[in-house]
């Protein structure tokens, strides 16, 4: 059916949203302590795949998935 390609795009969108959520969760700033003046000291882990932060992979997944779905 030629008009059902958007149905094939739904899993791609779901995967991209899940990747975005995991990336934001892993790369958020976390309070590791307080300095002498009581200010919060934060740190980020910097999770990445091939030097690209995980949350940016969601856009890459979305573009590549759309190309594969609509290439037919």
C-alpha atoms as a PDB file:
ATOM      1  CA  UNK A   1       0.000   0.000   0.000  1.00  0.00           C
ATOM      2  CA  UNK A   2       1.682   3.212  -1.140  1.00  0.00           C
ATOM      3  CA  UNK A   3       0.178   5.528   1.510  1.00  0.00           C
ATOM      4  CA  UNK A   4       1.236   3.439   4.505  1.00  0.00           C
ATOM      5  CA  UNK A   5       4.875   4.516   4.639  1.00  0.00           C
ATOM      6  CA  UNK A   6       4.162   6.768   7.614  1.00  0.00           C
ATOM      7  CA  UNK A   7       3.287   3.623   9.585  1.00  0.00           C
ATOM      8  CA  UNK A   8       6.817   2.362   8.984  1.00  0.00           C
ATOM      9  CA  UNK A   9       8.147   5.670  10.271  1.00  0.00           C
ATOM     10  CA  UNK A  10       6.476   5.277  13.691  1.00  0.00           C
ATOM     11  CA  UNK A  11       9.089   2.807  15.062  1.00  0.00           C
ATOM     12  CA  UNK A  12      11.848   5.093  13.788  1.00  0.00           C
ATOM     13  CA  UNK A  13      10.314   8.057  15.628  1.00  0.00           C
ATOM     14  CA  UNK A  14       9.905   5.942  18.772  1.00  0.00           C
ATOM     15  CA  UNK A  15      13.536   4.858  18.649  1.00  0.00           C
ATOM     16  CA  UNK A  16      14.701   8.439  18.106  1.00  0.00           C
ATOM     17  CA  UNK A  17      12.637   9.672  21.079  1.00  0.00           C
ATOM     18  CA  UNK A  18      13.958   6.875  23.299  1.00  0.00           C
ATOM     19  CA  UNK A  19      17.534   7.689  22.290  1.00  0.00           C
ATOM     20  CA  UNK A  20      16.933  11.374  23.002  1.00  0.00           C
ATOM     21  CA  UNK A  21      15.549  10.573  26.457  1.00  0.00           C
ATOM     22  CA  UNK A  22      18.446   8.273  27.344  1.00  0.00           C
ATOM     23  CA  UNK A  23      20.980  10.814  26.067  1.00  0.00           C
ATOM     24  CA  UNK A  24      19.487  13.680  28.066  1.00  0.00           C
ATOM     25  CA  UNK A  25      19.314  11.473  31.152  1.00  0.00           C
ATOM     26  CA  UNK A  26      22.935  10.300  30.854  1.00  0.00           C
ATOM     27  CA  UNK A  27      24.430  13.707  30.009  1.00  0.00           C
ATOM     28  CA  UNK A  28      22.648  15.884  32.584  1.00  0.00           C
ATOM     29  CA  UNK A  29      24.633  17.879  35.102  1.00  0.00           C
ATOM     30  CA  UNK A  30      24.803  16.287  38.535  1.00  0.00           C
ATOM     31  CA  UNK A  31      25.648  18.001  41.805  1.00  0.00           C
ATOM     32  CA  UNK A  32      28.736  16.332  43.259  1.00  0.00           C
ATOM     33  CA  UNK A  33      29.265  18.581  46.256  1.00  0.00           C
ATOM     34  CA  UNK A  34      29.506  22.108  47.628  1.00  0.00           C
ATOM     35  CA  UNK A  35      32.441  24.487  47.653  1.00  0.00           C
ATOM     36  CA  UNK A  36      33.595  26.580  50.633  1.00  0.00           C
ATOM     37  CA  UNK A  37      31.005  29.308  49.906  1.00  0.00           C
ATOM     38  CA  UNK A  38      28.077  26.878  49.651  1.00  0.00           C
ATOM     39  CA  UNK A  39      27.802  26.924  45.857  1.00  0.00           C
ATOM     40  CA  UNK A  40      26.909  23.687  44.107  1.00  0.00           C
ATOM     41  CA  UNK A  41      29.709  21.955  42.216  1.00  0.00           C
ATOM     42  CA  UNK A  42      28.374  20.110  39.172  1.00  0.00           C
ATOM     43  CA  UNK A  43      29.857  17.505  36.870  1.00  0.00           C
ATOM     44  CA  UNK A  44      28.819  15.862  33.619  1.00  0.00           C
ATOM     45  CA  UNK A  45      29.829  12.391  32.513  1.00  0.00           C
ATOM     46  CA  UNK A  46      29.870  13.179  28.789  1.00  0.00           C
ATOM     47  CA  UNK A  47      28.465   9.922  27.382  1.00  0.00           C
ATOM     48  CA  UNK A  48      29.026   9.705  23.628  1.00  0.00           C
ATOM     49  CA  UNK A  49      29.173   7.256  20.752  1.00  0.00           C
ATOM     50  CA  UNK A  50      31.915   7.912  18.204  1.00  0.00           C
ATOM     51  CA  UNK A  51      32.537  11.330  19.802  1.00  0.00           C
ATOM     52  CA  UNK A  52      28.921  12.401  19.233  1.00  0.00           C
ATOM     53  CA  UNK A  53      26.802  12.965  22.380  1.00  0.00           C
ATOM     54  CA  UNK A  54      24.093  10.304  22.748  1.00  0.00           C
ATOM     55  CA  UNK A  55      21.157  12.741  22.515  1.00  0.00           C
ATOM     56  CA  UNK A  56      22.365  13.956  19.089  1.00  0.00           C
ATOM     57  CA  UNK A  57      22.148  10.399  17.757  1.00  0.00           C
ATOM     58  CA  UNK A  58      18.361  10.729  17.878  1.00  0.00           C
ATOM     59  CA  UNK A  59      18.474  13.190  14.963  1.00  0.00           C
ATOM     60  CA  UNK A  60      20.841  10.915  13.046  1.00  0.00           C
ATOM     61  CA  UNK A  61      18.531   7.933  13.632  1.00  0.00           C
ATOM     62  CA  UNK A  62      15.522   9.954  12.498  1.00  0.00           C
ATOM     63  CA  UNK A  63      17.180  11.126   9.262  1.00  0.00           C
ATOM     64  CA  UNK A  64      18.618   7.733   8.324  1.00  0.00           C
ATOM     65  CA  UNK A  65      15.344   5.979   9.203  1.00  0.00           C
ATOM     66  CA  UNK A  66      13.314   8.410   7.092  1.00  0.00           C
ATOM     67  CA  UNK A  67      15.674   7.897   4.158  1.00  0.00           C
ATOM     68  CA  UNK A  68      15.345   4.109   4.437  1.00  0.00           C
ATOM     69  CA  UNK A  69      11.525   4.210   4.774  1.00  0.00           C
ATOM     70  CA  UNK A  70      10.902   6.620   1.903  1.00  0.00           C
ATOM     71  CA  UNK A  71      13.570   5.235  -0.431  1.00  0.00           C
ATOM     72  CA  UNK A  72      11.311   2.381  -1.577  1.00  0.00           C
END
